[in-house]
Each structure stands twice: as structure tokens, then as C-alpha cells.
Amino acid sequence: MDDKSVDKRSALLHMLRQLLKEMEIVASQGAGYYTCAPFAARFNRLLGQARTLGEDNGLLATFENLAEADPKDPADKYRVMLGIRVEISQLIALLETMGMEKGK
């Protein structure tokens, strides 16, 4: 991984962590007051950028773009947000290990 890729990976990690924080803030307002779609859309764009980083031992292929749905039922909305949080956390873990493998 070259220096440019390392910088991009670091930026992606920071952005993913910030996305998690924003999800916490919005979700604390209650399920009836937020939409899931912007979080899924942003994750999809960040995942696309992560795929351009290079060698990942094929693990990025285990991630799929998320549906940018906005369910109305609060229980469904909670499940969607939980799924997005899991995917973000897993992508963070993968990007962190990609940096460790190269000694960065």
C-alpha cells in the first residue's frame, strides 16, 4: 500500500467512525424522527472508495451495497439502522487490519 492509499484508508476510517457517531445522535431522537436512507447511501459510497484501496485478500467482496430504504415502522427502522451499524463496524475492522498487515 503506497502513502496515498494509506492516507485514503485513514480518511475512510475517520469518516466511517464519524458516520457511526452521527447515527447515534440521530437515533437518540427516536425512531419516528429519522430516516435510514442517508446512512445507507453514505455507507455505499464509502464502501465503493474502500474497494479502490487495493489488496484486501478478497474480504471486501463479502460486503454488499445496502438498500437505501426508509421503512416507516419504528421496529423495521431499528433493524435497518442496526444492520448499517454492523456493516460499518465490520468495514472499519477490515480497513484497520489492512493497515496492520503492511506495517502502517
PDB file of N, CA and C in Angstrom:
ATOM      1  N   MET A   1       0.842  -1.169   0.000  1.00  0.00           N
ATOM      2  CA  MET A   1       0.000   0.000   0.000  1.00  0.00           C
ATOM      3  C   MET A   1       0.892   1.238   0.000  1.00  0.00           C
ATOM      4  N   ASP A   2       0.709   2.118  -0.975  1.00  0.00           N
ATOM      5  CA  ASP A   2       1.533   3.323  -1.028  1.00  0.00           C
ATOM      6  C   ASP A   2       0.996   4.384  -0.062  1.00  0.00           C
ATOM      7  N   ASP A   3       1.745   5.495   0.054  1.00  0.00           N
ATOM      8  CA  ASP A   3       1.375   6.543   1.001  1.00  0.00           C
ATOM      9  C   ASP A   3       0.001   7.137   0.696  1.00  0.00           C
ATOM     10  N   LYS A   4      -0.322   7.265  -0.584  1.00  0.00           N
ATOM     11  CA  LYS A   4      -1.621   7.816  -0.965  1.00  0.00           C
ATOM     12  C   LYS A   4      -2.750   6.896  -0.497  1.00  0.00           C
ATOM     13  N   SER A   5      -2.549   5.590  -0.639  1.00  0.00           N
ATOM     14  CA  SER A   5      -3.554   4.628  -0.191  1.00  0.00           C
ATOM     15  C   SER A   5      -3.689   4.641   1.325  1.00  0.00           C
ATOM     16  N   VAL A   6      -2.560   4.803   2.016  1.00  0.00           N
ATOM     17  CA  VAL A   6      -2.593   4.863   3.477  1.00  0.00           C
ATOM     18  C   VAL A   6      -3.391   6.084   3.923  1.00  0.00           C
ATOM     19  N   ASP A   7      -3.154   7.228   3.274  1.00  0.00           N
ATOM     20  CA  ASP A   7      -3.901   8.442   3.602  1.00  0.00           C
ATOM     21  C   ASP A   7      -5.391   8.256   3.331  1.00  0.00           C
ATOM     22  N   LYS A   8      -5.713   7.623   2.221  1.00  0.00           N
ATOM     23  CA  LYS A   8      -7.110   7.392   1.867  1.00  0.00           C
ATOM     24  C   LYS A   8      -7.755   6.439   2.864  1.00  0.00           C
ATOM     25  N   ARG A   9      -7.023   5.390   3.243  1.00  0.00           N
ATOM     26  CA  ARG A   9      -7.546   4.435   4.226  1.00  0.00           C
ATOM     27  C   ARG A   9      -7.805   5.133   5.552  1.00  0.00           C
ATOM     28  N   SER A  10      -6.881   5.983   5.984  1.00  0.00           N
ATOM     29  CA  SER A  10      -7.053   6.726   7.237  1.00  0.00           C
ATOM     30  C   SER A  10      -8.267   7.644   7.169  1.00  0.00           C
ATOM     31  N   ALA A  11      -8.442   8.314   6.038  1.00  0.00           N
ATOM     32  CA  ALA A  11      -9.593   9.201   5.870  1.00  0.00           C
ATOM     33  C   ALA A  11     -10.890   8.396   5.897  1.00  0.00           C
ATOM     34  N   LEU A  12     -10.905   7.245   5.219  1.00  0.00           N
ATOM     35  CA  LEU A  12     -12.102   6.401   5.227  1.00  0.00           C
ATOM     36  C   LEU A  12     -12.429   5.929   6.633  1.00  0.00           C
ATOM     37  N   LEU A  13     -11.413   5.525   7.385  1.00  0.00           N
ATOM     38  CA  LEU A  13     -11.638   5.096   8.767  1.00  0.00           C
ATOM     39  C   LEU A  13     -12.249   6.223   9.588  1.00  0.00           C
ATOM     40  N   HIS A  14     -11.715   7.406   9.446  1.00  0.00           N
ATOM     41  CA  HIS A  14     -12.242   8.547  10.194  1.00  0.00           C
ATOM     42  C   HIS A  14     -13.692   8.838   9.796  1.00  0.00           C
ATOM     43  N   MET A  15     -13.969   8.806   8.511  1.00  0.00           N
ATOM     44  CA  MET A  15     -15.322   9.080   8.024  1.00  0.00           C
ATOM     45  C   MET A  15     -16.318   8.017   8.487  1.00  0.00           C
ATOM     46  N   LEU A  16     -15.917   6.757   8.489  1.00  0.00           N
ATOM     47  CA  LEU A  16     -16.802   5.687   8.952  1.00  0.00           C
ATOM     48  C   LEU A  16     -17.097   5.831  10.442  1.00  0.00           C
ATOM     49  N   ARG A  17     -16.084   6.155  11.225  1.00  0.00           N
ATOM     50  CA  ARG A  17     -16.298   6.361  12.663  1.00  0.00           C
ATOM     51  C   ARG A  17     -17.231   7.549  12.905  1.00  0.00           C
ATOM     52  N   GLN A  18     -17.058   8.605  12.120  1.00  0.00           N
ATOM     53  CA  GLN A  18     -17.934   9.771  12.249  1.00  0.00           C
ATOM     54  C   GLN A  18     -19.365   9.420  11.860  1.00  0.00           C
ATOM     55  N   LEU A  19     -19.525   8.586  10.847  1.00  0.00           N
ATOM     56  CA  LEU A  19     -20.859   8.160  10.433  1.00  0.00           C
ATOM     57  C   LEU A  19     -21.548   7.411  11.572  1.00  0.00           C
ATOM     58  N   LEU A  20     -20.809   6.568  12.289  1.00  0.00           N
ATOM     59  CA  LEU A  20     -21.379   5.877  13.448  1.00  0.00           C
ATOM     60  C   LEU A  20     -21.843   6.871  14.509  1.00  0.00           C
ATOM     61  N   LYS A  21     -21.038   7.883  14.765  1.00  0.00           N
ATOM     62  CA  LYS A  21     -21.419   8.899  15.756  1.00  0.00           C
ATOM     63  C   LYS A  21     -22.688   9.631  15.331  1.00  0.00           C
ATOM     64  N   GLU A  22     -22.762   9.982  14.061  1.00  0.00           N
ATOM     65  CA  GLU A  22     -23.947  10.680  13.563  1.00  0.00           C
ATOM     66  C   GLU A  22     -25.184   9.803  13.667  1.00  0.00           C
ATOM     67  N   MET A  23     -25.019   8.509  13.424  1.00  0.00           N
ATOM     68  CA  MET A  23     -26.145   7.586  13.570  1.00  0.00           C
ATOM     69  C   MET A  23     -26.626   7.550  15.012  1.00  0.00           C
ATOM     70  N   GLU A  24     -25.692   7.550  15.967  1.00  0.00           N
ATOM     71  CA  GLU A  24     -26.067   7.544  17.380  1.00  0.00           C
ATOM     72  C   GLU A  24     -26.865   8.787  17.742  1.00  0.00           C
ATOM     73  N   ILE A  25     -26.419   9.928  17.260  1.00  0.00           N
ATOM     74  CA  ILE A  25     -27.106  11.192  17.558  1.00  0.00           C
ATOM     75  C   ILE A  25     -28.517  11.173  16.989  1.00  0.00           C
ATOM     76  N   VAL A  26     -28.643  10.786  15.737  1.00  0.00           N
ATOM     77  CA  VAL A  26     -29.943  10.785  15.084  1.00  0.00           C
ATOM     78  C   VAL A  26     -30.864   9.741  15.725  1.00  0.00           C
ATOM     79  N   ALA A  27     -30.345   8.561  15.998  1.00  0.00           N
ATOM     80  CA  ALA A  27     -31.173   7.507  16.590  1.00  0.00           C
ATOM     81  C   ALA A  27     -31.638   7.875  17.995  1.00  0.00           C
ATOM     82  N   SER A  28     -30.867   8.673  18.707  1.00  0.00           N
ATOM     83  CA  SER A  28     -31.265   9.062  20.068  1.00  0.00           C
ATOM     84  C   SER A  28     -32.502   9.956  20.051  1.00  0.00           C
ATOM     85  N   GLN A  29     -32.839  10.500  18.905  1.00  0.00           N
ATOM     86  CA  GLN A  29     -34.021  11.342  18.783  1.00  0.00           C
ATOM     87  C   GLN A  29     -35.304  10.518  18.704  1.00  0.00           C
ATOM     88  N   GLY A  30     -35.181   9.233  18.502  1.00  0.00           N
ATOM     89  CA  GLY A  30     -36.354   8.370  18.418  1.00  0.00           C
ATOM     90  C   GLY A  30     -36.605   7.891  17.002  1.00  0.00           C
ATOM     91  N   ALA A  31     -37.118   6.685  16.898  1.00  0.00           N
ATOM     92  CA  ALA A  31     -37.276   6.027  15.604  1.00  0.00           C
ATOM     93  C   ALA A  31     -38.227   6.761  14.669  1.00  0.00           C
ATOM     94  N   GLY A  32     -39.146   7.517  15.195  1.00  0.00           N
ATOM     95  CA  GLY A  32     -40.094   8.196  14.329  1.00  0.00           C
ATOM     96  C   GLY A  32     -39.558   9.446  13.671  1.00  0.00           C
ATOM     97  N   TYR A  33     -38.376   9.864  14.081  1.00  0.00           N
ATOM     98  CA  TYR A  33     -37.873  11.162  13.639  1.00  0.00           C
ATOM     99  C   TYR A  33     -36.692  11.104  12.688  1.00  0.00           C
ATOM    100  N   TYR A  34     -36.267   9.934  12.279  1.00  0.00           N
ATOM    101  CA  TYR A  34     -35.108   9.885  11.397  1.00  0.00           C
ATOM    102  C   TYR A  34     -35.362   8.984  10.204  1.00  0.00           C
ATOM    103  N   THR A  35     -34.507   9.125   9.237  1.00  0.00           N
ATOM    104  CA  THR A  35     -34.555   8.295   8.047  1.00  0.00           C
ATOM    105  C   THR A  35     -33.272   7.473   7.972  1.00  0.00           C
ATOM    106  N   CYS A  36     -33.363   6.288   7.463  1.00  0.00           N
ATOM    107  CA  CYS A  36     -32.210   5.396   7.333  1.00  0.00           C
ATOM    108  C   CYS A  36     -31.458   5.604   6.021  1.00  0.00           C
ATOM    109  N   ALA A  37     -32.159   6.094   5.025  1.00  0.00           N
ATOM    110  CA  ALA A  37     -31.611   6.153   3.674  1.00  0.00           C
ATOM    111  C   ALA A  37     -30.289   6.913   3.567  1.00  0.00           C
ATOM    112  N   PRO A  38     -30.129   8.071   4.199  1.00  0.00           N
ATOM    113  CA  PRO A  38     -28.848   8.776   4.038  1.00  0.00           C
ATOM    114  C   PRO A  38     -27.656   7.994   4.595  1.00  0.00           C
ATOM    115  N   PHE A  39     -27.883   7.230   5.643  1.00  0.00           N
ATOM    116  CA  PHE A  39     -26.795   6.453   6.236  1.00  0.00           C
ATOM    117  C   PHE A  39     -26.392   5.296   5.324  1.00  0.00           C
ATOM    118  N   ALA A  40     -27.377   4.632   4.743  1.00  0.00           N
ATOM    119  CA  ALA A  40     -27.081   3.546   3.810  1.00  0.00           C
ATOM    120  C   ALA A  40     -26.394   4.097   2.558  1.00  0.00           C
ATOM    121  N   ALA A  41     -26.876   5.220   2.063  1.00  0.00           N
ATOM    122  CA  ALA A  41     -26.278   5.822   0.868  1.00  0.00           C
ATOM    123  C   ALA A  41     -24.825   6.210   1.123  1.00  0.00           C
ATOM    124  N   ARG A  42     -24.571   6.803   2.268  1.00  0.00           N
ATOM    125  CA  ARG A  42     -23.204   7.217   2.590  1.00  0.00           C
ATOM    126  C   ARG A  42     -22.306   5.999   2.760  1.00  0.00           C
ATOM    127  N   PHE A  43     -22.801   4.947   3.430  1.00  0.00           N
ATOM    128  CA  PHE A  43     -22.019   3.718   3.572  1.00  0.00           C
ATOM    129  C   PHE A  43     -21.674   3.166   2.191  1.00  0.00           C
ATOM    130  N   ASN A  44     -22.637   3.145   1.294  1.00  0.00           N
ATOM    131  CA  ASN A  44     -22.397   2.608  -0.048  1.00  0.00           C
ATOM    132  C   ASN A  44     -21.289   3.370  -0.764  1.00  0.00           C
ATOM    133  N   ARG A  45     -21.282   4.692  -0.623  1.00  0.00           N
ATOM    134  CA  ARG A  45     -20.231   5.494  -1.275  1.00  0.00           C
ATOM    135  C   ARG A  45     -18.870   5.224  -0.631  1.00  0.00           C
ATOM    136  N   LEU A  46     -18.825   5.117   0.684  1.00  0.00           N
ATOM    137  CA  LEU A  46     -17.557   4.841   1.357  1.00  0.00           C
ATOM    138  C   LEU A  46     -17.057   3.433   1.042  1.00  0.00           C
ATOM    139  N   LEU A  47     -17.956   2.479   0.940  1.00  0.00           N
ATOM    140  CA  LEU A  47     -17.578   1.118   0.554  1.00  0.00           C
ATOM    141  C   LEU A  47     -16.969   1.119  -0.844  1.00  0.00           C
ATOM    142  N   GLY A  48     -17.562   1.886  -1.745  1.00  0.00           N
ATOM    143  CA  GLY A  48     -17.015   1.995  -3.100  1.00  0.00           C
ATOM    144  C   GLY A  48     -15.596   2.527  -3.086  1.00  0.00           C
ATOM    145  N   GLN A  49     -15.335   3.499  -2.242  1.00  0.00           N
ATOM    146  CA  GLN A  49     -13.977   4.038  -2.122  1.00  0.00           C
ATOM    147  C   GLN A  49     -13.028   3.021  -1.499  1.00  0.00           C
ATOM    148  N   ALA A  50     -13.502   2.274  -0.524  1.00  0.00           N
ATOM    149  CA  ALA A  50     -12.665   1.254   0.115  1.00  0.00           C
ATOM    150  C   ALA A  50     -12.234   0.198  -0.906  1.00  0.00           C
ATOM    151  N   ARG A  51     -13.091  -0.093  -1.846  1.00  0.00           N
ATOM    152  CA  ARG A  51     -12.772  -1.097  -2.866  1.00  0.00           C
ATOM    153  C   ARG A  51     -11.634  -0.653  -3.777  1.00  0.00           C
ATOM    154  N   THR A  52     -11.334   0.619  -3.814  1.00  0.00           N
ATOM    155  CA  THR A  52     -10.261   1.114  -4.675  1.00  0.00           C
ATOM    156  C   THR A  52      -8.899   1.091  -3.988  1.00  0.00           C
ATOM    157  N   LEU A  53      -8.854   0.647  -2.743  1.00  0.00           N
ATOM    158  CA  LEU A  53      -7.601   0.694  -1.989  1.00  0.00           C
ATOM    159  C   LEU A  53      -6.587  -0.368  -2.400  1.00  0.00           C
ATOM    160  N   GLY A  54      -7.024  -1.427  -2.998  1.00  0.00           N
ATOM    161  CA  GLY A  54      -6.072  -2.454  -3.413  1.00  0.00           C
ATOM    162  C   GLY A  54      -6.296  -3.764  -2.688  1.00  0.00           C
ATOM    163  N   GLU A  55      -5.220  -4.451  -2.412  1.00  0.00           N
ATOM    164  CA  GLU A  55      -5.262  -5.809  -1.877  1.00  0.00           C
ATOM    165  C   GLU A  55      -5.948  -5.879  -0.518  1.00  0.00           C
ATOM    166  N   ASP A  56      -6.936  -6.764  -0.434  1.00  0.00           N
ATOM    167  CA  ASP A  56      -7.666  -6.962   0.815  1.00  0.00           C
ATOM    168  C   ASP A  56      -7.920  -8.445   1.078  1.00  0.00           C
ATOM    169  N   ASN A  57      -7.227  -9.299   0.363  1.00  0.00           N
ATOM    170  CA  ASN A  57      -7.404 -10.752   0.479  1.00  0.00           C
ATOM    171  C   ASN A  57      -8.821 -11.191   0.117  1.00  0.00           C
ATOM    172  N   GLY A  58      -9.504 -10.410  -0.693  1.00  0.00           N
ATOM    173  CA  GLY A  58     -10.848 -10.764  -1.138  1.00  0.00           C
ATOM    174  C   GLY A  58     -11.951 -10.497  -0.128  1.00  0.00           C
ATOM    175  N   LEU A  59     -11.626  -9.962   1.025  1.00  0.00           N
ATOM    176  CA  LEU A  59     -12.638  -9.769   2.061  1.00  0.00           C
ATOM    177  C   LEU A  59     -13.615  -8.639   1.755  1.00  0.00           C
ATOM    178  N   LEU A  60     -13.200  -7.666   0.956  1.00  0.00           N
ATOM    179  CA  LEU A  60     -14.147  -6.608   0.591  1.00  0.00           C
ATOM    180  C   LEU A  60     -15.296  -7.172  -0.239  1.00  0.00           C
ATOM    181  N   ALA A  61     -15.060  -8.316  -0.874  1.00  0.00           N
ATOM    182  CA  ALA A  61     -16.128  -8.945  -1.652  1.00  0.00           C
ATOM    183  C   ALA A  61     -17.247  -9.482  -0.749  1.00  0.00           C
ATOM    184  N   THR A  62     -16.997  -9.580   0.555  1.00  0.00           N
ATOM    185  CA  THR A  62     -18.039 -10.037   1.476  1.00  0.00           C
ATOM    186  C   THR A  62     -19.026  -8.926   1.818  1.00  0.00           C
ATOM    187  N   PHE A  63     -18.720  -7.697   1.392  1.00  0.00           N
ATOM    188  CA  PHE A  63     -19.612  -6.565   1.624  1.00  0.00           C
ATOM    189  C   PHE A  63     -20.457  -6.310   0.388  1.00  0.00           C
ATOM    190  N   GLU A  64     -21.711  -5.977   0.608  1.00  0.00           N
ATOM    191  CA  GLU A  64     -22.613  -5.618  -0.484  1.00  0.00           C
ATOM    192  C   GLU A  64     -23.152  -4.229  -0.222  1.00  0.00           C
ATOM    193  N   ASN A  65     -23.524  -3.547  -1.289  1.00  0.00           N
ATOM    194  CA  ASN A  65     -24.190  -2.263  -1.105  1.00  0.00           C
ATOM    195  C   ASN A  65     -25.491  -2.488  -0.346  1.00  0.00           C
ATOM    196  N   LEU A  66     -25.814  -1.550   0.521  1.00  0.00           N
ATOM    197  CA  LEU A  66     -27.031  -1.638   1.326  1.00  0.00           C
ATOM    198  C   LEU A  66     -28.197  -1.002   0.582  1.00  0.00           C
ATOM    199  N   ALA A  67     -29.367  -1.561   0.797  1.00  0.00           N
ATOM    200  CA  ALA A  67     -30.581  -0.966   0.223  1.00  0.00           C
ATOM    201  C   ALA A  67     -30.811   0.378   0.901  1.00  0.00           C
ATOM    202  N   GLU A  68     -31.105   1.373   0.104  1.00  0.00           N
ATOM    203  CA  GLU A  68     -31.311   2.718   0.640  1.00  0.00           C
ATOM    204  C   GLU A  68     -32.789   2.933   0.926  1.00  0.00           C
ATOM    205  N   ALA A  69     -33.341   2.024   1.729  1.00  0.00           N
ATOM    206  CA  ALA A  69     -34.763   2.033   2.066  1.00  0.00           C
ATOM    207  C   ALA A  69     -35.006   2.900   3.297  1.00  0.00           C
ATOM    208  N   ASP A  70     -36.228   3.325   3.430  1.00  0.00           N
ATOM    209  CA  ASP A  70     -36.625   4.109   4.596  1.00  0.00           C
ATOM    210  C   ASP A  70     -37.949   3.564   5.130  1.00  0.00           C
ATOM    211  N   PRO A  71     -37.878   2.474   5.913  1.00  0.00           N
ATOM    212  CA  PRO A  71     -39.122   1.903   6.435  1.00  0.00           C
ATOM    213  C   PRO A  71     -39.840   2.885   7.360  1.00  0.00           C
ATOM    214  N   LYS A  72     -41.127   2.755   7.427  1.00  0.00           N
ATOM    215  CA  LYS A  72     -41.927   3.642   8.280  1.00  0.00           C
ATOM    216  C   LYS A  72     -42.101   3.073   9.683  1.00  0.00           C
ATOM    217  N   ASP A  73     -42.165   1.754   9.787  1.00  0.00           N
ATOM    218  CA  ASP A  73     -42.346   1.100  11.087  1.00  0.00           C
ATOM    219  C   ASP A  73     -41.085   1.290  11.938  1.00  0.00           C
ATOM    220  N   PRO A  74     -41.208   1.799  13.162  1.00  0.00           N
ATOM    221  CA  PRO A  74     -40.035   2.011  14.004  1.00  0.00           C
ATOM    222  C   PRO A  74     -39.201   0.750  14.247  1.00  0.00           C
ATOM    223  N   ALA A  75     -39.842  -0.412  14.353  1.00  0.00           N
ATOM    224  CA  ALA A  75     -39.098  -1.650  14.560  1.00  0.00           C
ATOM    225  C   ALA A  75     -38.264  -1.988  13.326  1.00  0.00           C
ATOM    226  N   ASP A  76     -38.843  -1.805  12.148  1.00  0.00           N
ATOM    227  CA  ASP A  76     -38.105  -2.049  10.909  1.00  0.00           C
ATOM    228  C   ASP A  76     -36.968  -1.047  10.758  1.00  0.00           C
ATOM    229  N   LYS A  77     -37.238   0.187  11.126  1.00  0.00           N
ATOM    230  CA  LYS A  77     -36.233   1.239  11.043  1.00  0.00           C
ATOM    231  C   LYS A  77     -35.049   0.892  11.959  1.00  0.00           C
ATOM    232  N   TYR A  78     -35.351   0.392  13.150  1.00  0.00           N
ATOM    233  CA  TYR A  78     -34.305  -0.007  14.091  1.00  0.00           C
ATOM    234  C   TYR A  78     -33.458  -1.134  13.500  1.00  0.00           C
ATOM    235  N   ARG A  79     -34.102  -2.123  12.881  1.00  0.00           N
ATOM    236  CA  ARG A  79     -33.369  -3.245  12.283  1.00  0.00           C
ATOM    237  C   ARG A  79     -32.452  -2.775  11.154  1.00  0.00           C
ATOM    238  N   VAL A  80     -32.941  -1.859  10.340  1.00  0.00           N
ATOM    239  CA  VAL A  80     -32.123  -1.329   9.243  1.00  0.00           C
ATOM    240  C   VAL A  80     -30.910  -0.591   9.814  1.00  0.00           C
ATOM    241  N   MET A  81     -31.145   0.253  10.802  1.00  0.00           N
ATOM    242  CA  MET A  81     -30.037   1.010  11.408  1.00  0.00           C
ATOM    243  C   MET A  81     -29.031   0.069  12.061  1.00  0.00           C
ATOM    244  N   LEU A  82     -29.512  -0.978  12.716  1.00  0.00           N
ATOM    245  CA  LEU A  82     -28.612  -1.949  13.328  1.00  0.00           C
ATOM    246  C   LEU A  82     -27.765  -2.640  12.258  1.00  0.00           C
ATOM    247  N   GLY A  83     -28.372  -3.007  11.155  1.00  0.00           N
ATOM    248  CA  GLY A  83     -27.633  -3.628  10.057  1.00  0.00           C
ATOM    249  C   GLY A  83     -26.567  -2.708   9.493  1.00  0.00           C
ATOM    250  N   ILE A  84     -26.901  -1.437   9.361  1.00  0.00           N
ATOM    251  CA  ILE A  84     -25.926  -0.465   8.857  1.00  0.00           C
ATOM    252  C   ILE A  84     -24.764  -0.340   9.840  1.00  0.00           C
ATOM    253  N   ARG A  85     -25.075  -0.290  11.128  1.00  0.00           N
ATOM    254  CA  ARG A  85     -24.020  -0.177  12.151  1.00  0.00           C
ATOM    255  C   ARG A  85     -23.076  -1.384  12.104  1.00  0.00           C
ATOM    256  N   VAL A  86     -23.648  -2.572  11.939  1.00  0.00           N
ATOM    257  CA  VAL A  86     -22.826  -3.784  11.862  1.00  0.00           C
ATOM    258  C   VAL A  86     -21.901  -3.708  10.653  1.00  0.00           C
ATOM    259  N   GLU A  87     -22.434  -3.330   9.509  1.00  0.00           N
ATOM    260  CA  GLU A  87     -21.613  -3.246   8.297  1.00  0.00           C
ATOM    261  C   GLU A  87     -20.511  -2.202   8.433  1.00  0.00           C
ATOM    262  N   ILE A  88     -20.829  -1.057   9.013  1.00  0.00           N
ATOM    263  CA  ILE A  88     -19.813  -0.024   9.218  1.00  0.00           C
ATOM    264  C   ILE A  88     -18.718  -0.537  10.135  1.00  0.00           C
ATOM    265  N   SER A  89     -19.103  -1.163  11.235  1.00  0.00           N
ATOM    266  CA  SER A  89     -18.114  -1.684  12.183  1.00  0.00           C
ATOM    267  C   SER A  89     -17.220  -2.740  11.544  1.00  0.00           C
ATOM    268  N   GLN A  90     -17.802  -3.596  10.739  1.00  0.00           N
ATOM    269  CA  GLN A  90     -17.011  -4.630  10.075  1.00  0.00           C
ATOM    270  C   GLN A  90     -16.061  -4.027   9.042  1.00  0.00           C
ATOM    271  N   LEU A  91     -16.513  -3.009   8.318  1.00  0.00           N
ATOM    272  CA  LEU A  91     -15.647  -2.357   7.348  1.00  0.00           C
ATOM    273  C   LEU A  91     -14.502  -1.633   8.061  1.00  0.00           C
ATOM    274  N   ILE A  92     -14.786  -1.011   9.190  1.00  0.00           N
ATOM    275  CA  ILE A  92     -13.726  -0.382   9.984  1.00  0.00           C
ATOM    276  C   ILE A  92     -12.696  -1.425  10.391  1.00  0.00           C
ATOM    277  N   ALA A  93     -13.151  -2.558  10.885  1.00  0.00           N
ATOM    278  CA  ALA A  93     -12.234  -3.619  11.310  1.00  0.00           C
ATOM    279  C   ALA A  93     -11.355  -4.094  10.157  1.00  0.00           C
ATOM    280  N   LEU A  94     -11.956  -4.270   8.977  1.00  0.00           N
ATOM    281  CA  LEU A  94     -11.180  -4.716   7.821  1.00  0.00           C
ATOM    282  C   LEU A  94     -10.144  -3.672   7.420  1.00  0.00           C
ATOM    283  N   LEU A  95     -10.546  -2.407   7.354  1.00  0.00           N
ATOM    284  CA  LEU A  95      -9.602  -1.356   6.966  1.00  0.00           C
ATOM    285  C   LEU A  95      -8.469  -1.221   7.965  1.00  0.00           C
ATOM    286  N   GLU A  96      -8.774  -1.402   9.240  1.00  0.00           N
ATOM    287  CA  GLU A  96      -7.719  -1.349  10.257  1.00  0.00           C
ATOM    288  C   GLU A  96      -6.716  -2.482  10.063  1.00  0.00           C
ATOM    289  N   THR A  97      -7.206  -3.669   9.803  1.00  0.00           N
ATOM    290  CA  THR A  97      -6.287  -4.805   9.628  1.00  0.00           C
ATOM    291  C   THR A  97      -5.497  -4.688   8.331  1.00  0.00           C
ATOM    292  N   MET A  98      -6.074  -4.072   7.310  1.00  0.00           N
ATOM    293  CA  MET A  98      -5.332  -3.860   6.060  1.00  0.00           C
ATOM    294  C   MET A  98      -4.111  -3.002   6.331  1.00  0.00           C
ATOM    295  N   GLY A  99      -4.243  -2.026   7.191  1.00  0.00           N
ATOM    296  CA  GLY A  99      -3.102  -1.168   7.543  1.00  0.00           C
ATOM    297  C   GLY A  99      -2.081  -1.896   8.391  1.00  0.00           C
ATOM    298  N   MET A 100      -2.536  -2.771   9.258  1.00  0.00           N
ATOM    299  CA  MET A 100      -1.613  -3.512  10.136  1.00  0.00           C
ATOM    300  C   MET A 100      -0.779  -4.500   9.334  1.00  0.00           C
ATOM    301  N   GLU A 101      -1.382  -5.114   8.330  1.00  0.00           N
ATOM    302  CA  GLU A 101      -0.677  -6.112   7.518  1.00  0.00           C
ATOM    303  C   GLU A 101       0.538  -5.522   6.834  1.00  0.00           C
ATOM    304  N   LYS A 102       0.428  -4.273   6.460  1.00  0.00           N
ATOM    305  CA  LYS A 102       1.525  -3.625   5.728  1.00  0.00           C
ATOM    306  C   LYS A 102       2.486  -2.896   6.663  1.00  0.00           C
ATOM    307  N   GLY A 103       2.225  -3.014   7.980  1.00  0.00           N
ATOM    308  CA  GLY A 103       3.113  -2.367   8.933  1.00  0.00           C
ATOM    309  C   GLY A 103       2.910  -0.872   9.008  1.00  0.00           C
ATOM    310  N   LYS A 104       1.741  -0.393   8.623  1.00  0.00           N
ATOM    311  CA  LYS A 104       1.451   1.054   8.635  1.00  0.00           C
ATOM    312  C   LYS A 104       0.672   1.420   9.864  1.00  0.00           C
TER     313      LYS A 104
END
